[in-house]
Amino acid sequence: MNPPSGACVQHQAPDAVAQIRVLVVDDHALVREMLAELVSEESDLTVAGECEDGSQVVDAAARLHPDVVLMDLSMPVMDGLAATQALRAALPEPRVVVLTADGVAARSKAAAAGASALVPKGIAADALLGCVRTVALGHGGCPYCL
């Protein structure tokens, strides 16, 4: 599902108990779609919505109440670090998993911004989903947790 330009899309949760709600934020429509599909295939995860830019995250999180935000690091209008800082200042509850193609170079910056984990974009699907679950439950210990 591609949102209209400049808009976030809200997803309807399936009927289930104890769903981990995930907000997917990436400026590339195909990446958002792939991540949303990956999350929605899991019985304990649901896609709360999607945003195409970091500048939309605070408003979307206030409306959608995600447990975890999957946040792209590199976006043109507001990058993932600035969006994470803004989100943490406005709404401390959602945990942020920053996705990056830059490797571990951004680890200290992501931690300083308030992210819970920094994950390479090339990660295996099961490792990404495991990290989302770990972060949502407030546990540390996954190799990507900060």
Protein backbone atom coordinates (compact mmCIF):
# COMPACT_ATOMS: atom_id res chain seq x y z
CA MET A 1 0.00 0.00 0.00
CA ASN A 2 1.59 3.28 -1.06
CA PRO A 3 0.53 6.36 0.90
CA PRO A 4 -0.31 9.57 -0.89
CA SER A 5 2.69 11.87 -1.10
CA GLY A 6 3.46 13.39 2.30
CA ALA A 7 1.03 11.17 4.18
CA CYS A 8 1.22 8.35 6.67
CA VAL A 9 -0.99 5.34 6.22
CA GLN A 10 -2.80 3.67 9.10
CA HIS A 11 -3.28 -0.08 8.99
CA GLN A 12 -6.13 -1.94 10.60
CA ALA A 13 -5.02 -4.50 13.19
CA PRO A 14 -6.17 -8.09 12.76
CA ASP A 15 -8.33 -9.51 15.52
CA ALA A 16 -5.78 -10.83 17.96
CA VAL A 17 -4.65 -10.52 21.52
CA ALA A 18 -1.24 -9.12 22.58
CA GLN A 19 -0.17 -7.71 19.24
CA ILE A 20 3.07 -5.76 19.05
CA ARG A 21 2.18 -2.65 17.04
CA VAL A 22 4.85 -1.53 14.55
CA LEU A 23 5.10 1.79 12.69
CA VAL A 24 7.24 1.47 9.54
CA VAL A 25 9.14 4.62 8.46
CA ASP A 26 11.17 4.66 5.24
CA ASP A 27 11.32 7.06 2.32
CA HIS A 28 11.46 4.21 -0.21
CA ALA A 29 8.00 2.81 -0.97
CA LEU A 30 9.32 -0.66 -1.86
CA VAL A 31 11.27 -0.93 1.40
CA ARG A 32 8.21 0.18 3.40
CA GLU A 33 6.07 -2.34 1.57
CA MET A 34 8.57 -5.16 2.16
CA LEU A 35 8.92 -4.35 5.86
CA ALA A 36 5.15 -4.02 6.32
CA GLU A 37 4.60 -7.36 4.61
CA LEU A 38 7.29 -9.03 6.74
CA VAL A 39 5.75 -7.70 9.96
CA SER A 40 2.16 -8.47 8.98
CA GLU A 41 2.98 -12.12 8.29
CA GLU A 42 3.78 -12.66 11.98
CA SER A 43 0.95 -13.70 14.32
CA ASP A 44 2.19 -11.55 17.22
CA LEU A 45 3.03 -8.43 15.20
CA THR A 46 0.82 -5.96 13.40
CA VAL A 47 1.60 -2.95 11.23
CA ALA A 48 0.06 0.09 12.91
CA GLY A 49 0.95 2.29 9.94
CA GLU A 50 3.58 3.55 7.56
CA CYS A 51 5.31 6.92 7.08
CA GLU A 52 7.49 8.06 4.22
CA ASP A 53 9.49 10.61 6.19
CA GLY A 54 10.80 11.21 9.68
CA SER A 55 8.92 14.50 9.94
CA GLN A 56 5.66 12.52 10.08
CA VAL A 57 6.65 10.19 12.92
CA VAL A 58 5.62 12.15 16.02
CA ASP A 59 2.10 12.85 14.73
CA ALA A 60 1.69 9.30 13.43
CA ALA A 61 2.89 7.76 16.69
CA ALA A 62 0.53 9.98 18.70
CA ARG A 63 -2.41 8.73 16.57
CA LEU A 64 -1.40 5.11 16.07
CA HIS A 65 0.23 4.20 19.41
CA PRO A 66 2.94 1.86 18.11
CA ASP A 67 5.05 -0.23 20.47
CA VAL A 68 8.00 -0.16 18.06
CA VAL A 69 8.99 2.21 15.26
CA LEU A 70 11.12 0.71 12.48
CA MET A 71 12.96 3.89 11.44
CA ASP A 72 15.15 4.32 8.37
CA LEU A 73 18.31 6.25 9.21
CA SER A 74 18.71 8.11 5.91
CA MET A 75 15.69 10.09 4.71
CA PRO A 76 15.71 13.37 2.77
CA VAL A 77 13.41 15.68 4.76
CA MET A 78 14.07 14.56 8.35
CA ASP A 79 16.53 11.75 8.94
CA GLY A 80 15.98 8.89 11.36
CA LEU A 81 18.21 10.32 14.10
CA ALA A 82 16.36 13.66 14.22
CA ALA A 83 13.01 11.85 14.04
CA THR A 84 14.05 9.51 16.86
CA GLN A 85 15.06 12.47 19.04
CA ALA A 86 11.77 14.25 18.33
CA LEU A 87 9.76 11.10 19.03
CA ARG A 88 11.57 10.36 22.30
CA ALA A 89 11.01 13.97 23.46
CA ALA A 90 7.29 13.90 22.62
CA LEU A 91 6.35 10.28 23.30
CA PRO A 92 8.79 8.20 25.33
CA GLU A 93 6.79 4.96 25.13
CA PRO A 94 7.45 3.72 21.58
CA ARG A 95 10.81 2.04 21.18
CA VAL A 96 12.82 2.77 18.05
CA VAL A 97 14.73 0.31 15.90
CA VAL A 98 16.88 2.27 13.46
CA LEU A 99 17.54 0.57 10.12
CA THR A 100 20.72 1.54 8.31
CA ALA A 101 22.77 0.67 5.28
CA ASP A 102 25.72 2.47 6.92
CA GLY A 103 26.72 -0.36 9.25
CA VAL A 104 27.67 0.21 12.88
CA ALA A 105 29.18 3.66 12.24
CA ALA A 106 25.94 5.30 13.44
CA ARG A 107 25.69 3.19 16.61
CA SER A 108 26.71 5.90 19.09
CA LYS A 109 24.58 8.54 17.34
CA ALA A 110 21.54 6.23 17.34
CA ALA A 111 22.01 5.52 21.05
CA ALA A 112 22.37 9.24 21.81
CA ALA A 113 19.15 9.94 19.86
CA GLY A 114 17.28 7.45 22.04
CA ALA A 115 17.04 4.44 19.74
CA SER A 116 16.76 0.99 21.32
CA ALA A 117 18.56 -0.82 18.50
CA LEU A 118 20.55 -0.21 15.33
CA VAL A 119 20.01 -2.86 12.67
CA PRO A 120 21.72 -3.21 9.28
CA LYS A 121 19.30 -3.26 6.35
CA GLY A 122 20.84 -6.51 5.08
CA ILE A 123 19.85 -8.41 8.25
CA ALA A 124 18.04 -11.74 7.95
CA ALA A 125 14.28 -11.44 8.41
CA ASP A 126 14.16 -13.66 11.50
CA ALA A 127 16.90 -11.62 13.18
CA LEU A 128 15.06 -8.36 12.46
CA LEU A 129 11.79 -9.75 13.81
CA GLY A 130 13.59 -11.10 16.87
CA CYS A 131 15.06 -7.66 17.51
CA VAL A 132 11.62 -6.04 17.19
CA ARG A 133 10.19 -8.49 19.73
CA THR A 134 13.13 -8.04 22.12
CA VAL A 135 12.87 -4.26 21.96
CA ALA A 136 9.07 -4.30 22.33
CA LEU A 137 9.31 -6.39 25.48
CA GLY A 138 11.96 -4.10 26.92
CA HIS A 139 14.63 -6.78 27.05
CA GLY A 140 18.20 -6.21 26.02
CA GLY A 141 20.56 -8.78 24.76
CA CYS A 142 20.01 -8.97 21.04
CA PRO A 143 23.25 -8.16 19.21
CA TYR A 144 21.67 -5.02 17.73
CA CYS A 145 20.32 -3.54 20.98
CA LEU A 146 21.94 -0.35 22.21
